[in-house]
């Protein structure tokens, strides 16, 4: 199993910045993809950004240009730098890893961290 521990959420004013971190442990492989999803109240969970083991990234249109995903493979950690935050970015943010184990796909989720953008 892969365990994920997130940190860095909180309350920030519109236009502000936050940095989320997620450390993976257990049976995490550096070949695994890592990413961030979010879920606002009453909404479905949605992709925010993902990064492959080689560093290729993909972003939701709503955050492209404002958010940056990165990973430190030596620390098995993925980061999400969030700038120019908007009230509509308010959500619980979940860390995600996925890959293959013995020919089968797996997905792991963190417990979530609350991000609130409000004045």
C-alpha atoms as a PDB file:
ATOM      1  CA  UNK A   1       0.000   0.000   0.000  1.00  0.00           C
ATOM      2  CA  UNK A   2       0.968   3.597  -0.572  1.00  0.00           C
ATOM      3  CA  UNK A   3       0.386   6.118   2.207  1.00  0.00           C
ATOM      4  CA  UNK A   4       0.027   9.812   1.397  1.00  0.00           C
ATOM      5  CA  UNK A   5       0.282  12.657   3.900  1.00  0.00           C
ATOM      6  CA  UNK A   6      -0.729  16.137   2.770  1.00  0.00           C
ATOM      7  CA  UNK A   7       0.062  19.480   4.335  1.00  0.00           C
ATOM      8  CA  UNK A   8      -0.077  23.172   3.544  1.00  0.00           C
ATOM      9  CA  UNK A   9      -3.762  23.982   3.291  1.00  0.00           C
ATOM     10  CA  UNK A  10      -5.385  26.920   5.041  1.00  0.00           C
ATOM     11  CA  UNK A  11      -7.172  30.219   4.690  1.00  0.00           C
ATOM     12  CA  UNK A  12      -5.857  32.804   2.253  1.00  0.00           C
ATOM     13  CA  UNK A  13      -7.172  36.022   0.769  1.00  0.00           C
ATOM     14  CA  UNK A  14      -7.999  36.303  -2.937  1.00  0.00           C
ATOM     15  CA  UNK A  15      -4.831  36.903  -4.898  1.00  0.00           C
ATOM     16  CA  UNK A  16      -2.729  35.141  -2.305  1.00  0.00           C
ATOM     17  CA  UNK A  17      -0.591  32.016  -2.521  1.00  0.00           C
ATOM     18  CA  UNK A  18      -0.356  28.636  -0.852  1.00  0.00           C
ATOM     19  CA  UNK A  19       1.917  25.655  -1.307  1.00  0.00           C
ATOM     20  CA  UNK A  20       0.624  22.146  -0.758  1.00  0.00           C
ATOM     21  CA  UNK A  21       2.904  19.197  -0.099  1.00  0.00           C
ATOM     22  CA  UNK A  22       2.240  15.475  -0.211  1.00  0.00           C
ATOM     23  CA  UNK A  23       4.718  12.864   0.959  1.00  0.00           C
ATOM     24  CA  UNK A  24       4.367   9.269  -0.195  1.00  0.00           C
ATOM     25  CA  UNK A  25       5.547   6.249   1.741  1.00  0.00           C
ATOM     26  CA  UNK A  26       5.012   2.529   1.817  1.00  0.00           C
ATOM     27  CA  UNK A  27       5.150   0.731  -1.502  1.00  0.00           C
ATOM     28  CA  UNK A  28       5.506   3.926  -3.533  1.00  0.00           C
ATOM     29  CA  UNK A  29       7.576   3.626  -6.687  1.00  0.00           C
ATOM     30  CA  UNK A  30       9.241   6.609  -8.314  1.00  0.00           C
ATOM     31  CA  UNK A  31       7.746   5.474 -11.618  1.00  0.00           C
ATOM     32  CA  UNK A  32       4.292   6.242 -10.233  1.00  0.00           C
ATOM     33  CA  UNK A  33       2.417   9.320 -11.369  1.00  0.00           C
ATOM     34  CA  UNK A  34       1.442  11.894  -8.773  1.00  0.00           C
ATOM     35  CA  UNK A  35      -1.221  14.522  -8.812  1.00  0.00           C
ATOM     36  CA  UNK A  36      -3.696  16.799  -7.098  1.00  0.00           C
ATOM     37  CA  UNK A  37      -7.457  16.750  -7.280  1.00  0.00           C
ATOM     38  CA  UNK A  38     -10.004  18.921  -5.530  1.00  0.00           C
ATOM     39  CA  UNK A  39     -13.603  18.722  -4.438  1.00  0.00           C
ATOM     40  CA  UNK A  40     -15.774  21.684  -3.593  1.00  0.00           C
ATOM     41  CA  UNK A  41     -18.991  21.277  -1.575  1.00  0.00           C
ATOM     42  CA  UNK A  42     -21.711  19.773  -3.707  1.00  0.00           C
ATOM     43  CA  UNK A  43     -19.330  19.191  -6.593  1.00  0.00           C
ATOM     44  CA  UNK A  44     -17.564  16.173  -8.013  1.00  0.00           C
ATOM     45  CA  UNK A  45     -13.871  15.641  -7.449  1.00  0.00           C
ATOM     46  CA  UNK A  46     -11.895  17.129 -10.322  1.00  0.00           C
ATOM     47  CA  UNK A  47      -8.374  16.999 -11.628  1.00  0.00           C
ATOM     48  CA  UNK A  48      -6.162  19.957 -10.761  1.00  0.00           C
ATOM     49  CA  UNK A  49      -2.742  18.856 -11.990  1.00  0.00           C
ATOM     50  CA  UNK A  50      -0.732  15.701 -12.544  1.00  0.00           C
ATOM     51  CA  UNK A  51       2.948  14.988 -13.039  1.00  0.00           C
ATOM     52  CA  UNK A  52       4.612  11.874 -14.375  1.00  0.00           C
ATOM     53  CA  UNK A  53       7.768  10.313 -13.042  1.00  0.00           C
ATOM     54  CA  UNK A  54       9.641  11.997 -15.885  1.00  0.00           C
ATOM     55  CA  UNK A  55       8.244  15.415 -15.078  1.00  0.00           C
ATOM     56  CA  UNK A  56       5.546  15.763 -17.733  1.00  0.00           C
ATOM     57  CA  UNK A  57       2.657  17.840 -16.425  1.00  0.00           C
ATOM     58  CA  UNK A  58      -0.986  18.426 -17.188  1.00  0.00           C
ATOM     59  CA  UNK A  59      -3.273  21.052 -15.709  1.00  0.00           C
ATOM     60  CA  UNK A  60      -6.948  21.821 -15.564  1.00  0.00           C
ATOM     61  CA  UNK A  61      -7.778  24.829 -17.714  1.00  0.00           C
ATOM     62  CA  UNK A  62      -9.069  26.670 -14.661  1.00  0.00           C
ATOM     63  CA  UNK A  63      -5.660  26.639 -12.944  1.00  0.00           C
ATOM     64  CA  UNK A  64      -3.201  26.689 -15.841  1.00  0.00           C
ATOM     65  CA  UNK A  65      -0.854  29.630 -15.490  1.00  0.00           C
ATOM     66  CA  UNK A  66      -1.630  30.075 -11.796  1.00  0.00           C
ATOM     67  CA  UNK A  67      -0.731  26.698 -10.284  1.00  0.00           C
ATOM     68  CA  UNK A  68       2.513  24.752 -10.661  1.00  0.00           C
ATOM     69  CA  UNK A  69       2.951  21.073  -9.844  1.00  0.00           C
ATOM     70  CA  UNK A  70       6.386  19.653  -9.127  1.00  0.00           C
ATOM     71  CA  UNK A  71       7.884  16.608  -7.493  1.00  0.00           C
ATOM     72  CA  UNK A  72      11.039  15.705  -5.626  1.00  0.00           C
ATOM     73  CA  UNK A  73      11.743  12.082  -6.423  1.00  0.00           C
ATOM     74  CA  UNK A  74      14.426  11.862  -3.750  1.00  0.00           C
ATOM     75  CA  UNK A  75      11.801  12.722  -1.139  1.00  0.00           C
ATOM     76  CA  UNK A  76       8.832  10.968  -2.806  1.00  0.00           C
ATOM     77  CA  UNK A  77       7.008  14.255  -2.469  1.00  0.00           C
ATOM     78  CA  UNK A  78       4.745  16.203  -4.802  1.00  0.00           C
ATOM     79  CA  UNK A  79       4.041  19.915  -4.440  1.00  0.00           C
ATOM     80  CA  UNK A  80       1.362  22.249  -5.690  1.00  0.00           C
ATOM     81  CA  UNK A  81       2.274  25.935  -5.747  1.00  0.00           C
ATOM     82  CA  UNK A  82      -0.926  27.924  -5.989  1.00  0.00           C
ATOM     83  CA  UNK A  83      -0.711  31.605  -6.908  1.00  0.00           C
ATOM     84  CA  UNK A  84      -3.340  34.228  -7.684  1.00  0.00           C
ATOM     85  CA  UNK A  85      -5.890  32.243  -5.745  1.00  0.00           C
ATOM     86  CA  UNK A  86      -9.573  32.878  -6.366  1.00  0.00           C
ATOM     87  CA  UNK A  87     -12.619  32.151  -4.202  1.00  0.00           C
ATOM     88  CA  UNK A  88     -13.602  29.456  -6.693  1.00  0.00           C
ATOM     89  CA  UNK A  89     -10.396  27.595  -5.797  1.00  0.00           C
ATOM     90  CA  UNK A  90     -11.911  26.862  -2.390  1.00  0.00           C
ATOM     91  CA  UNK A  91     -12.104  23.099  -1.970  1.00  0.00           C
ATOM     92  CA  UNK A  92     -10.616  20.085  -0.256  1.00  0.00           C
ATOM     93  CA  UNK A  93      -7.456  19.205  -2.132  1.00  0.00           C
ATOM     94  CA  UNK A  94      -6.484  15.541  -2.402  1.00  0.00           C
ATOM     95  CA  UNK A  95      -3.121  14.081  -3.277  1.00  0.00           C
ATOM     96  CA  UNK A  96      -3.157  11.121  -5.637  1.00  0.00           C
ATOM     97  CA  UNK A  97      -0.705   8.538  -6.853  1.00  0.00           C
ATOM     98  CA  UNK A  98      -1.264   5.852  -9.426  1.00  0.00           C
ATOM     99  CA  UNK A  99       0.740   3.195 -11.179  1.00  0.00           C
ATOM    100  CA  UNK A 100       1.009  -0.519 -11.730  1.00  0.00           C
ATOM    101  CA  UNK A 101       1.608  -3.366  -9.336  1.00  0.00           C
ATOM    102  CA  UNK A 102       2.004  -6.913 -10.643  1.00  0.00           C
ATOM    103  CA  UNK A 103       0.273  -5.957 -13.874  1.00  0.00           C
ATOM    104  CA  UNK A 104      -2.669  -4.300 -12.150  1.00  0.00           C
ATOM    105  CA  UNK A 105      -3.396  -0.586 -11.823  1.00  0.00           C
ATOM    106  CA  UNK A 106      -3.599   0.992  -8.404  1.00  0.00           C
ATOM    107  CA  UNK A 107      -4.691   4.365  -7.082  1.00  0.00           C
ATOM    108  CA  UNK A 108      -4.041   5.866  -3.676  1.00  0.00           C
ATOM    109  CA  UNK A 109      -5.540   8.997  -2.121  1.00  0.00           C
ATOM    110  CA  UNK A 110      -4.496  11.246   0.699  1.00  0.00           C
ATOM    111  CA  UNK A 111      -6.867  12.354   3.427  1.00  0.00           C
ATOM    112  CA  UNK A 112      -7.357  15.794   1.913  1.00  0.00           C
ATOM    113  CA  UNK A 113      -6.433  19.297   3.012  1.00  0.00           C
ATOM    114  CA  UNK A 114      -8.807  22.251   3.078  1.00  0.00           C
ATOM    115  CA  UNK A 115      -8.021  25.340   1.035  1.00  0.00           C
ATOM    116  CA  UNK A 116     -10.265  28.337   1.627  1.00  0.00           C
ATOM    117  CA  UNK A 117      -9.919  31.520  -0.405  1.00  0.00           C
ATOM    118  CA  UNK A 118     -11.870  34.323   1.189  1.00  0.00           C
ATOM    119  CA  UNK A 119     -11.524  37.918   2.268  1.00  0.00           C
END
